Amino acid sequence: MIGSLSGRIAVKAPPQLLLDVSGVGYELEAPMSTFYGLPAVGEEVRLLTHLVIREDAHILYGFATQAERQLFRNLLKVSGVGPKLALGILSGTTVEGFASCVTTNDVSALTRIPGVGRKTAERLVVEMRDRLVDAKAVAITAPELAAAGAEGEAFSALVALGYKPTEATRLIKVAAAGEGGLNTTEDLIRRALQGALR
């Protein structure tokens, strides 16, 4: 799985993007929320990615933030929402704007996004309510932990293992405050998992 790419922007043609990574050109599709913050063609950029594998194609999607990628992934879990519509939703609103629509049951605001009909909007409100709690936790805690290096890596590992972001944050903070000298990623994960079993 390709998790991120760092390289030079060779082509910008929304929603398509060509990223030159050490001489290899990666074609990506990105939401407008990401495009708005991209530097000019020829400049360097780092994007988080998500790979969608279909029978007829492998499509790589690029995102400026962890919150955008997390929302995209959660949208794909909603019945009837594919990558194209998920990209359209991220292009039609911000992560915060979408969360606000879901938490306030604002179906009509969601229907103003191209491609989102009333039934789809109602399904989004119902199915995304629980998932948004995790997405918000990732958006809030990931940058805080990422600044600490090993703690950020340990956080990502625990979330990948199935822990809720808030629980992963708590376990890592307890593990980091414990004895043991240097807090390597492996040490933090081991102590966090031990703490979870107590």
N, C-alpha and C. Protein backbone atom coordinates (compact mmCIF):
# COMPACT_ATOMS: atom_id res chain seq x y z
N MET A 1 0.85 -1.20 0.00
CA MET A 1 0.00 0.00 0.00
C MET A 1 0.88 1.25 0.00
N ILE A 2 0.58 2.19 -0.86
CA ILE A 2 1.32 3.45 -0.91
C ILE A 2 0.63 4.42 0.05
N GLY A 3 1.33 4.82 1.12
CA GLY A 3 0.73 5.67 2.14
C GLY A 3 0.91 7.16 1.89
N SER A 4 2.01 7.53 1.24
CA SER A 4 2.25 8.94 0.94
C SER A 4 3.28 9.05 -0.18
N LEU A 5 3.31 10.22 -0.81
CA LEU A 5 4.27 10.50 -1.87
C LEU A 5 4.85 11.89 -1.67
N SER A 6 6.15 12.01 -1.86
CA SER A 6 6.80 13.32 -1.83
C SER A 6 7.51 13.53 -3.15
N GLY A 7 7.20 14.62 -3.81
CA GLY A 7 7.83 14.87 -5.10
C GLY A 7 7.47 16.23 -5.65
N ARG A 8 7.79 16.42 -6.92
CA ARG A 8 7.59 17.70 -7.60
C ARG A 8 6.31 17.64 -8.43
N ILE A 9 5.51 18.68 -8.35
CA ILE A 9 4.27 18.73 -9.14
C ILE A 9 4.63 18.98 -10.60
N ALA A 10 4.27 18.01 -11.46
CA ALA A 10 4.56 18.14 -12.89
C ALA A 10 3.37 18.69 -13.65
N VAL A 11 2.16 18.25 -13.26
CA VAL A 11 0.94 18.70 -13.94
C VAL A 11 -0.17 18.88 -12.92
N LYS A 12 -0.92 19.97 -13.05
CA LYS A 12 -2.12 20.19 -12.23
C LYS A 12 -3.29 20.40 -13.17
N ALA A 13 -4.22 19.45 -13.21
CA ALA A 13 -5.42 19.56 -14.04
C ALA A 13 -6.58 18.96 -13.25
N PRO A 14 -7.12 19.71 -12.28
CA PRO A 14 -8.14 19.19 -11.37
C PRO A 14 -9.20 18.35 -12.07
N PRO A 15 -9.52 17.17 -11.51
CA PRO A 15 -9.00 16.63 -10.26
C PRO A 15 -7.71 15.82 -10.42
N GLN A 16 -7.13 15.81 -11.65
CA GLN A 16 -5.91 15.03 -11.86
C GLN A 16 -4.65 15.82 -11.47
N LEU A 17 -3.66 15.05 -11.05
CA LEU A 17 -2.40 15.62 -10.61
C LEU A 17 -1.30 14.64 -10.98
N LEU A 18 -0.19 15.14 -11.53
CA LEU A 18 0.96 14.28 -11.84
C LEU A 18 2.11 14.70 -10.94
N LEU A 19 2.58 13.74 -10.14
CA LEU A 19 3.65 14.02 -9.19
C LEU A 19 4.91 13.28 -9.62
N ASP A 20 5.99 14.03 -9.83
CA ASP A 20 7.27 13.44 -10.22
C ASP A 20 8.04 13.07 -8.96
N VAL A 21 8.16 11.77 -8.71
CA VAL A 21 8.88 11.28 -7.53
C VAL A 21 10.16 10.59 -8.00
N SER A 22 11.27 11.31 -7.93
CA SER A 22 12.57 10.78 -8.36
C SER A 22 12.53 10.22 -9.77
N GLY A 23 11.88 10.94 -10.68
CA GLY A 23 11.84 10.52 -12.08
C GLY A 23 10.67 9.64 -12.46
N VAL A 24 9.89 9.20 -11.47
CA VAL A 24 8.72 8.37 -11.75
C VAL A 24 7.48 9.23 -11.57
N GLY A 25 6.63 9.27 -12.60
CA GLY A 25 5.43 10.10 -12.55
C GLY A 25 4.24 9.33 -12.00
N TYR A 26 3.70 9.81 -10.89
CA TYR A 26 2.52 9.18 -10.30
C TYR A 26 1.28 10.02 -10.61
N GLU A 27 0.29 9.38 -11.22
CA GLU A 27 -0.97 10.06 -11.50
C GLU A 27 -1.87 9.90 -10.29
N LEU A 28 -2.40 11.00 -9.81
CA LEU A 28 -3.30 10.99 -8.66
C LEU A 28 -4.56 11.78 -8.98
N GLU A 29 -5.61 11.46 -8.24
CA GLU A 29 -6.80 12.30 -8.26
C GLU A 29 -6.93 12.88 -6.87
N ALA A 30 -7.25 14.16 -6.79
CA ALA A 30 -7.33 14.83 -5.49
C ALA A 30 -8.56 15.71 -5.42
N PRO A 31 -9.14 15.86 -4.23
CA PRO A 31 -10.30 16.74 -4.08
C PRO A 31 -9.87 18.20 -4.18
N MET A 32 -10.82 19.07 -4.44
CA MET A 32 -10.50 20.49 -4.55
C MET A 32 -9.99 21.05 -3.22
N SER A 33 -10.42 20.45 -2.11
CA SER A 33 -9.93 20.90 -0.81
C SER A 33 -8.42 20.75 -0.72
N THR A 34 -7.88 19.77 -1.42
CA THR A 34 -6.42 19.59 -1.47
C THR A 34 -5.80 20.53 -2.50
N PHE A 35 -6.45 20.64 -3.66
CA PHE A 35 -5.92 21.47 -4.75
C PHE A 35 -5.74 22.92 -4.33
N TYR A 36 -6.67 23.44 -3.52
CA TYR A 36 -6.59 24.84 -3.11
C TYR A 36 -5.28 25.17 -2.40
N GLY A 37 -4.71 24.19 -1.70
CA GLY A 37 -3.49 24.45 -0.93
C GLY A 37 -2.21 24.01 -1.60
N LEU A 38 -2.30 23.51 -2.84
CA LEU A 38 -1.09 23.02 -3.53
C LEU A 38 -0.20 24.18 -3.99
N PRO A 39 1.11 23.96 -3.95
CA PRO A 39 2.02 24.97 -4.50
C PRO A 39 1.97 24.95 -6.03
N ALA A 40 2.74 25.81 -6.67
CA ALA A 40 2.74 25.90 -8.13
C ALA A 40 3.40 24.69 -8.78
N VAL A 41 3.13 24.50 -10.07
CA VAL A 41 3.80 23.43 -10.84
C VAL A 41 5.31 23.63 -10.74
N GLY A 42 6.02 22.53 -10.50
CA GLY A 42 7.47 22.60 -10.34
C GLY A 42 7.92 22.64 -8.90
N GLU A 43 6.97 22.91 -7.98
CA GLU A 43 7.29 22.95 -6.55
C GLU A 43 7.15 21.56 -5.92
N GLU A 44 7.81 21.39 -4.78
CA GLU A 44 7.76 20.12 -4.05
C GLU A 44 6.52 20.07 -3.14
N VAL A 45 6.00 18.86 -2.97
CA VAL A 45 4.83 18.68 -2.10
C VAL A 45 4.83 17.25 -1.56
N ARG A 46 4.21 17.07 -0.41
CA ARG A 46 4.01 15.73 0.16
C ARG A 46 2.52 15.51 0.33
N LEU A 47 2.02 14.40 -0.22
CA LEU A 47 0.59 14.10 -0.12
C LEU A 47 0.38 12.72 0.50
N LEU A 48 -0.63 12.61 1.33
CA LEU A 48 -1.06 11.31 1.84
C LEU A 48 -1.88 10.66 0.73
N THR A 49 -1.83 9.35 0.63
CA THR A 49 -2.50 8.70 -0.49
C THR A 49 -3.40 7.55 -0.06
N HIS A 50 -4.31 7.19 -0.96
CA HIS A 50 -5.16 6.02 -0.77
C HIS A 50 -5.29 5.35 -2.14
N LEU A 51 -5.01 4.07 -2.20
CA LEU A 51 -5.05 3.33 -3.47
C LEU A 51 -6.36 2.54 -3.57
N VAL A 52 -7.08 2.77 -4.66
CA VAL A 52 -8.31 2.01 -4.93
C VAL A 52 -8.04 1.06 -6.09
N ILE A 53 -8.26 -0.22 -5.86
CA ILE A 53 -8.00 -1.23 -6.88
C ILE A 53 -9.33 -1.73 -7.45
N ARG A 54 -9.48 -1.54 -8.76
CA ARG A 54 -10.66 -2.04 -9.46
C ARG A 54 -10.21 -3.08 -10.48
N GLU A 55 -11.15 -3.76 -11.10
CA GLU A 55 -10.81 -4.76 -12.10
C GLU A 55 -10.09 -4.14 -13.28
N ASP A 56 -10.49 -2.91 -13.64
CA ASP A 56 -9.94 -2.29 -14.84
C ASP A 56 -8.89 -1.21 -14.57
N ALA A 57 -8.63 -0.90 -13.30
CA ALA A 57 -7.67 0.17 -13.02
C ALA A 57 -7.24 0.20 -11.56
N HIS A 58 -6.05 0.74 -11.33
CA HIS A 58 -5.57 1.06 -9.99
C HIS A 58 -5.51 2.58 -9.93
N ILE A 59 -6.29 3.19 -9.05
CA ILE A 59 -6.36 4.65 -8.99
C ILE A 59 -5.83 5.13 -7.64
N LEU A 60 -4.90 6.06 -7.71
CA LEU A 60 -4.28 6.62 -6.51
C LEU A 60 -4.91 7.98 -6.21
N TYR A 61 -5.37 8.16 -5.00
CA TYR A 61 -5.97 9.43 -4.57
C TYR A 61 -5.02 10.14 -3.60
N GLY A 62 -4.92 11.46 -3.74
CA GLY A 62 -4.00 12.22 -2.90
C GLY A 62 -4.72 13.23 -2.02
N PHE A 63 -4.20 13.41 -0.80
CA PHE A 63 -4.84 14.30 0.17
C PHE A 63 -3.80 15.13 0.91
N ALA A 64 -4.16 16.37 1.21
CA ALA A 64 -3.23 17.27 1.91
C ALA A 64 -3.15 16.96 3.40
N THR A 65 -4.25 16.46 3.98
CA THR A 65 -4.27 16.23 5.43
C THR A 65 -4.78 14.84 5.78
N GLN A 66 -4.44 14.41 6.98
CA GLN A 66 -4.91 13.13 7.49
C GLN A 66 -6.44 13.14 7.63
N ALA A 67 -6.99 14.28 8.04
CA ALA A 67 -8.45 14.37 8.22
C ALA A 67 -9.18 14.16 6.89
N GLU A 68 -8.64 14.71 5.80
CA GLU A 68 -9.26 14.53 4.48
C GLU A 68 -9.22 13.07 4.06
N ARG A 69 -8.05 12.44 4.23
CA ARG A 69 -7.94 11.03 3.83
C ARG A 69 -8.84 10.15 4.68
N GLN A 70 -8.92 10.43 5.98
CA GLN A 70 -9.76 9.64 6.88
C GLN A 70 -11.23 9.76 6.50
N LEU A 71 -11.67 10.97 6.16
CA LEU A 71 -13.06 11.16 5.75
C LEU A 71 -13.32 10.42 4.45
N PHE A 72 -12.39 10.50 3.50
CA PHE A 72 -12.53 9.79 2.22
C PHE A 72 -12.70 8.29 2.48
N ARG A 73 -11.85 7.73 3.34
CA ARG A 73 -11.92 6.29 3.63
C ARG A 73 -13.23 5.93 4.32
N ASN A 74 -13.69 6.78 5.22
CA ASN A 74 -14.96 6.51 5.90
C ASN A 74 -16.14 6.62 4.95
N LEU A 75 -16.07 7.55 4.00
CA LEU A 75 -17.15 7.70 3.02
C LEU A 75 -17.27 6.45 2.15
N LEU A 76 -16.13 5.83 1.83
CA LEU A 76 -16.15 4.63 0.99
C LEU A 76 -16.87 3.47 1.66
N LYS A 77 -17.01 3.53 2.98
CA LYS A 77 -17.70 2.46 3.73
C LYS A 77 -19.21 2.63 3.72
N VAL A 78 -19.67 3.79 3.25
CA VAL A 78 -21.11 4.06 3.20
C VAL A 78 -21.71 3.40 1.97
N SER A 79 -22.80 2.72 2.15
CA SER A 79 -23.47 2.02 1.06
C SER A 79 -23.82 2.99 -0.07
N GLY A 80 -23.39 2.66 -1.29
CA GLY A 80 -23.71 3.48 -2.45
C GLY A 80 -22.74 4.62 -2.72
N VAL A 81 -21.71 4.76 -1.89
CA VAL A 81 -20.72 5.83 -2.10
C VAL A 81 -19.41 5.22 -2.61
N GLY A 82 -19.04 5.60 -3.83
CA GLY A 82 -17.78 5.13 -4.41
C GLY A 82 -16.74 6.24 -4.36
N PRO A 83 -15.53 5.96 -4.86
CA PRO A 83 -14.45 6.95 -4.83
C PRO A 83 -14.80 8.26 -5.53
N LYS A 84 -15.51 8.18 -6.67
CA LYS A 84 -15.84 9.40 -7.41
C LYS A 84 -16.74 10.31 -6.59
N LEU A 85 -17.77 9.75 -5.95
CA LEU A 85 -18.68 10.55 -5.14
C LEU A 85 -17.98 11.05 -3.88
N ALA A 86 -17.14 10.20 -3.27
CA ALA A 86 -16.40 10.62 -2.07
C ALA A 86 -15.50 11.81 -2.39
N LEU A 87 -14.86 11.76 -3.57
CA LEU A 87 -14.01 12.87 -4.01
C LEU A 87 -14.86 14.12 -4.24
N GLY A 88 -16.06 13.93 -4.81
CA GLY A 88 -16.97 15.05 -5.04
C GLY A 88 -17.41 15.70 -3.75
N ILE A 89 -17.66 14.88 -2.72
CA ILE A 89 -18.09 15.42 -1.42
C ILE A 89 -16.97 16.26 -0.82
N LEU A 90 -15.72 15.74 -0.89
CA LEU A 90 -14.58 16.49 -0.35
C LEU A 90 -14.30 17.75 -1.16
N SER A 91 -14.71 17.74 -2.42
CA SER A 91 -14.53 18.94 -3.26
C SER A 91 -15.62 19.96 -3.00
N GLY A 92 -16.78 19.47 -2.55
CA GLY A 92 -17.93 20.36 -2.35
C GLY A 92 -18.04 20.95 -0.96
N THR A 93 -17.25 20.42 -0.02
CA THR A 93 -17.29 20.93 1.35
C THR A 93 -15.99 20.60 2.05
N THR A 94 -15.76 21.21 3.19
CA THR A 94 -14.58 20.90 3.99
C THR A 94 -14.89 19.74 4.93
N VAL A 95 -13.87 19.19 5.55
CA VAL A 95 -14.07 18.12 6.54
C VAL A 95 -14.96 18.65 7.67
N GLU A 96 -14.67 19.86 8.13
CA GLU A 96 -15.45 20.45 9.21
C GLU A 96 -16.89 20.73 8.77
N GLY A 97 -17.05 21.20 7.52
CA GLY A 97 -18.38 21.49 7.00
C GLY A 97 -19.22 20.23 6.89
N PHE A 98 -18.60 19.14 6.43
CA PHE A 98 -19.31 17.87 6.32
C PHE A 98 -19.72 17.37 7.71
N ALA A 99 -18.79 17.45 8.67
CA ALA A 99 -19.08 17.01 10.03
C ALA A 99 -20.24 17.80 10.62
N SER A 100 -20.28 19.09 10.33
CA SER A 100 -21.36 19.94 10.83
C SER A 100 -22.71 19.50 10.24
N CYS A 101 -22.72 19.19 8.95
CA CYS A 101 -23.96 18.73 8.29
C CYS A 101 -24.47 17.44 8.93
N VAL A 102 -23.55 16.53 9.21
CA VAL A 102 -23.94 15.24 9.78
C VAL A 102 -24.44 15.41 11.21
N THR A 103 -23.72 16.17 12.02
CA THR A 103 -24.11 16.31 13.43
C THR A 103 -25.40 17.11 13.62
N THR A 104 -25.71 17.99 12.65
CA THR A 104 -26.95 18.78 12.75
C THR A 104 -28.07 18.23 11.86
N ASN A 105 -27.82 17.06 11.27
CA ASN A 105 -28.82 16.43 10.38
C ASN A 105 -29.24 17.34 9.24
N ASP A 106 -28.28 18.10 8.69
CA ASP A 106 -28.58 19.05 7.62
C ASP A 106 -28.52 18.36 6.25
N VAL A 107 -29.57 17.60 5.96
CA VAL A 107 -29.64 16.84 4.71
C VAL A 107 -29.66 17.77 3.50
N SER A 108 -30.38 18.88 3.59
CA SER A 108 -30.51 19.78 2.45
C SER A 108 -29.17 20.38 2.04
N ALA A 109 -28.30 20.66 3.01
CA ALA A 109 -26.97 21.20 2.68
C ALA A 109 -26.15 20.17 1.91
N LEU A 110 -26.27 18.91 2.29
CA LEU A 110 -25.53 17.85 1.59
C LEU A 110 -26.03 17.66 0.17
N THR A 111 -27.33 17.86 -0.04
CA THR A 111 -27.89 17.67 -1.40
C THR A 111 -27.41 18.76 -2.36
N ARG A 112 -26.84 19.85 -1.83
CA ARG A 112 -26.32 20.91 -2.71
C ARG A 112 -24.96 20.53 -3.30
N ILE A 113 -24.36 19.44 -2.79
CA ILE A 113 -23.11 18.95 -3.35
C ILE A 113 -23.44 18.16 -4.62
N PRO A 114 -22.81 18.46 -5.76
CA PRO A 114 -23.10 17.73 -7.00
C PRO A 114 -22.98 16.22 -6.83
N GLY A 115 -24.00 15.50 -7.30
CA GLY A 115 -23.97 14.05 -7.24
C GLY A 115 -24.61 13.46 -6.00
N VAL A 116 -24.94 14.30 -5.02
CA VAL A 116 -25.55 13.81 -3.78
C VAL A 116 -27.05 14.09 -3.81
N GLY A 117 -27.83 13.01 -3.96
CA GLY A 117 -29.28 13.13 -3.94
C GLY A 117 -29.79 13.06 -2.51
N ARG A 118 -31.10 13.21 -2.35
CA ARG A 118 -31.67 13.22 -0.99
C ARG A 118 -31.46 11.90 -0.26
N LYS A 119 -31.69 10.78 -0.96
CA LYS A 119 -31.53 9.47 -0.31
C LYS A 119 -30.08 9.24 0.12
N THR A 120 -29.15 9.64 -0.74
CA THR A 120 -27.73 9.49 -0.41
C THR A 120 -27.37 10.38 0.78
N ALA A 121 -27.89 11.59 0.79
CA ALA A 121 -27.62 12.53 1.88
C ALA A 121 -28.14 11.97 3.20
N GLU A 122 -29.34 11.41 3.18
CA GLU A 122 -29.93 10.83 4.39
C GLU A 122 -29.09 9.64 4.87
N ARG A 123 -28.61 8.84 3.93
CA ARG A 123 -27.77 7.70 4.29
C ARG A 123 -26.45 8.16 4.89
N LEU A 124 -25.88 9.23 4.33
CA LEU A 124 -24.63 9.78 4.85
C LEU A 124 -24.79 10.24 6.29
N VAL A 125 -25.88 10.92 6.56
CA VAL A 125 -26.13 11.43 7.92
C VAL A 125 -26.22 10.27 8.91
N VAL A 126 -26.94 9.23 8.53
CA VAL A 126 -27.14 8.09 9.44
C VAL A 126 -25.85 7.28 9.62
N GLU A 127 -25.21 6.93 8.50
CA GLU A 127 -24.07 6.02 8.57
C GLU A 127 -22.76 6.68 8.99
N MET A 128 -22.65 8.00 8.81
CA MET A 128 -21.40 8.67 9.13
C MET A 128 -21.34 9.21 10.56
N ARG A 129 -22.46 9.20 11.27
CA ARG A 129 -22.49 9.81 12.60
C ARG A 129 -21.43 9.20 13.53
N ASP A 130 -21.38 7.87 13.63
CA ASP A 130 -20.41 7.21 14.51
C ASP A 130 -18.99 7.33 13.98
N ARG A 131 -18.84 7.27 12.67
CA ARG A 131 -17.50 7.32 12.09
C ARG A 131 -16.84 8.68 12.25
N LEU A 132 -17.65 9.73 12.32
CA LEU A 132 -17.10 11.08 12.47
C LEU A 132 -16.41 11.27 13.81
N VAL A 133 -16.84 10.55 14.83
CA VAL A 133 -16.21 10.65 16.15
C VAL A 133 -14.75 10.24 16.02
N ASP A 134 -14.49 9.13 15.34
CA ASP A 134 -13.12 8.67 15.13
C ASP A 134 -12.34 9.63 14.25
N ALA A 135 -12.99 10.14 13.21
CA ALA A 135 -12.30 11.04 12.28
C ALA A 135 -11.86 12.31 12.99
N LYS A 136 -12.75 12.84 13.87
CA LYS A 136 -12.39 14.04 14.61
C LYS A 136 -11.23 13.76 15.56
N ALA A 137 -11.25 12.59 16.18
CA ALA A 137 -10.17 12.24 17.11
C ALA A 137 -8.84 12.14 16.38
N VAL A 138 -8.87 11.56 15.18
CA VAL A 138 -7.64 11.45 14.40
C VAL A 138 -7.14 12.85 14.04
N ALA A 139 -8.06 13.72 13.61
CA ALA A 139 -7.67 15.07 13.20
C ALA A 139 -7.07 15.86 14.36
N ILE A 140 -7.60 15.63 15.56
CA ILE A 140 -7.12 16.39 16.71
C ILE A 140 -5.84 15.80 17.28
N THR A 141 -5.81 14.47 17.44
CA THR A 141 -4.69 13.87 18.16
C THR A 141 -3.49 13.56 17.28
N ALA A 142 -3.72 13.25 16.01
CA ALA A 142 -2.59 12.85 15.16
C ALA A 142 -1.52 13.93 15.04
N PRO A 143 -1.86 15.21 14.76
CA PRO A 143 -0.82 16.23 14.64
C PRO A 143 -0.07 16.41 15.96
N GLU A 144 -0.82 16.34 17.07
CA GLU A 144 -0.21 16.52 18.39
C GLU A 144 0.83 15.44 18.64
N LEU A 145 0.49 14.20 18.29
CA LEU A 145 1.41 13.09 18.52
C LEU A 145 2.50 13.03 17.46
N ALA A 146 2.16 13.42 16.23
CA ALA A 146 3.15 13.34 15.15
C ALA A 146 4.36 14.21 15.45
N ALA A 147 4.14 15.29 16.18
CA ALA A 147 5.25 16.19 16.51
C ALA A 147 6.27 15.48 17.37
N ALA A 148 5.84 14.42 18.05
CA ALA A 148 6.74 13.71 18.94
C ALA A 148 7.46 12.56 18.24
N GLY A 149 7.28 12.37 16.95
CA GLY A 149 8.00 11.34 16.20
C GLY A 149 7.57 9.94 16.54
N ALA A 150 8.26 9.32 17.49
CA ALA A 150 7.97 7.93 17.88
C ALA A 150 6.54 7.80 18.38
N GLU A 151 6.05 8.80 19.09
CA GLU A 151 4.68 8.74 19.61
C GLU A 151 3.67 8.76 18.45
N GLY A 152 3.96 9.54 17.42
CA GLY A 152 3.08 9.58 16.25
C GLY A 152 3.03 8.24 15.53
N GLU A 153 4.20 7.60 15.40
CA GLU A 153 4.25 6.28 14.75
C GLU A 153 3.51 5.23 15.58
N ALA A 154 3.69 5.31 16.90
CA ALA A 154 3.00 4.36 17.79
C ALA A 154 1.49 4.58 17.73
N PHE A 155 1.08 5.85 17.67
CA PHE A 155 -0.35 6.18 17.56
C PHE A 155 -0.94 5.54 16.30
N SER A 156 -0.25 5.72 15.16
CA SER A 156 -0.73 5.16 13.89
C SER A 156 -0.83 3.64 13.96
N ALA A 157 0.16 3.02 14.63
CA ALA A 157 0.17 1.55 14.75
C ALA A 157 -1.01 1.06 15.57
N LEU A 158 -1.30 1.73 16.68
CA LEU A 158 -2.42 1.31 17.52
C LEU A 158 -3.76 1.49 16.82
N VAL A 159 -3.90 2.60 16.09
CA VAL A 159 -5.14 2.82 15.34
C VAL A 159 -5.30 1.73 14.28
N ALA A 160 -4.19 1.38 13.62
CA ALA A 160 -4.23 0.31 12.61
C ALA A 160 -4.60 -1.03 13.23
N LEU A 161 -4.25 -1.22 14.50
CA LEU A 161 -4.58 -2.46 15.20
C LEU A 161 -6.04 -2.50 15.65
N GLY A 162 -6.75 -1.37 15.48
CA GLY A 162 -8.17 -1.36 15.80
C GLY A 162 -8.55 -0.55 17.02
N TYR A 163 -7.56 0.08 17.69
CA TYR A 163 -7.89 0.91 18.84
C TYR A 163 -8.52 2.23 18.38
N LYS A 164 -9.49 2.72 19.15
CA LYS A 164 -10.07 4.03 18.88
C LYS A 164 -8.98 5.08 19.06
N PRO A 165 -8.97 6.14 18.23
CA PRO A 165 -7.93 7.17 18.35
C PRO A 165 -7.79 7.75 19.75
N THR A 166 -8.93 7.98 20.43
CA THR A 166 -8.84 8.55 21.78
C THR A 166 -8.19 7.57 22.74
N GLU A 167 -8.50 6.28 22.61
CA GLU A 167 -7.90 5.25 23.46
C GLU A 167 -6.42 5.10 23.14
N ALA A 168 -6.07 5.14 21.85
CA ALA A 168 -4.66 5.03 21.44
C ALA A 168 -3.85 6.18 22.03
N THR A 169 -4.42 7.39 22.00
CA THR A 169 -3.74 8.56 22.56
C THR A 169 -3.50 8.38 24.05
N ARG A 170 -4.52 7.91 24.76
CA ARG A 170 -4.40 7.71 26.21
C ARG A 170 -3.32 6.68 26.53
N LEU A 171 -3.33 5.55 25.82
CA LEU A 171 -2.36 4.49 26.07
C LEU A 171 -0.93 4.95 25.80
N ILE A 172 -0.75 5.73 24.74
CA ILE A 172 0.60 6.20 24.38
C ILE A 172 1.10 7.20 25.41
N LYS A 173 0.23 8.07 25.87
CA LYS A 173 0.65 9.06 26.88
C LYS A 173 1.07 8.37 28.17
N VAL A 174 0.33 7.34 28.56
CA VAL A 174 0.68 6.58 29.76
C VAL A 174 2.01 5.85 29.54
N ALA A 175 2.16 5.25 28.36
CA ALA A 175 3.38 4.52 28.04
C ALA A 175 4.59 5.45 28.00
N ALA A 176 4.42 6.65 27.45
CA ALA A 176 5.52 7.60 27.33
C ALA A 176 5.97 8.12 28.69
N ALA A 177 5.02 8.17 29.64
CA ALA A 177 5.34 8.68 30.98
C ALA A 177 5.97 7.61 31.87
N GLY A 178 5.93 6.37 31.41
CA GLY A 178 6.46 5.26 32.22
C GLY A 178 7.97 5.19 32.22
N GLU A 179 8.48 4.23 32.97
CA GLU A 179 9.93 4.03 33.06
C GLU A 179 10.42 3.33 31.81
N GLY A 180 11.73 3.37 31.61
CA GLY A 180 12.29 2.62 30.49
C GLY A 180 13.26 3.40 29.64
N GLY A 181 13.56 4.64 30.02
CA GLY A 181 14.57 5.39 29.28
C GLY A 181 14.04 5.89 27.95
N LEU A 182 14.75 5.56 26.85
CA LEU A 182 14.39 6.06 25.53
C LEU A 182 13.05 5.49 25.09
N ASN A 183 12.22 6.36 24.54
CA ASN A 183 10.91 5.94 24.05
C ASN A 183 10.98 5.71 22.54
N THR A 184 11.43 4.52 22.13
CA THR A 184 11.41 4.20 20.71
C THR A 184 9.97 3.82 20.34
N THR A 185 9.70 3.78 19.05
CA THR A 185 8.36 3.40 18.60
C THR A 185 7.97 2.03 19.15
N GLU A 186 8.91 1.09 19.05
CA GLU A 186 8.64 -0.29 19.49
C GLU A 186 8.37 -0.34 20.99
N ASP A 187 9.15 0.41 21.77
CA ASP A 187 8.96 0.44 23.22
C ASP A 187 7.58 0.99 23.58
N LEU A 188 7.22 2.08 22.91
CA LEU A 188 5.93 2.70 23.19
C LEU A 188 4.77 1.77 22.85
N ILE A 189 4.86 1.09 21.71
CA ILE A 189 3.79 0.17 21.31
C ILE A 189 3.69 -0.97 22.32
N ARG A 190 4.85 -1.53 22.70
CA ARG A 190 4.86 -2.66 23.63
C ARG A 190 4.24 -2.27 24.97
N ARG A 191 4.69 -1.09 25.51
CA ARG A 191 4.17 -0.66 26.80
C ARG A 191 2.70 -0.27 26.72
N ALA A 192 2.29 0.32 25.58
CA ALA A 192 0.87 0.69 25.41
C ALA A 192 0.00 -0.55 25.37
N LEU A 193 0.44 -1.59 24.67
CA LEU A 193 -0.33 -2.83 24.59
C LEU A 193 -0.39 -3.53 25.95
N GLN A 194 0.73 -3.47 26.69
CA GLN A 194 0.73 -4.05 28.03
C GLN A 194 -0.25 -3.31 28.93
N GLY A 195 -0.26 -1.95 28.79
CA GLY A 195 -1.18 -1.14 29.58
C GLY A 195 -2.63 -1.41 29.24
N ALA A 196 -2.90 -1.76 27.98
CA ALA A 196 -4.28 -2.04 27.55
C ALA A 196 -4.79 -3.32 28.17
N LEU A 197 -3.87 -4.25 28.49
CA LEU A 197 -4.27 -5.55 29.04
C LEU A 197 -4.45 -5.53 30.56
N ARG A 198 -4.05 -4.42 31.19
CA ARG A 198 -4.17 -4.34 32.66
C ARG A 198 -5.60 -4.04 33.07
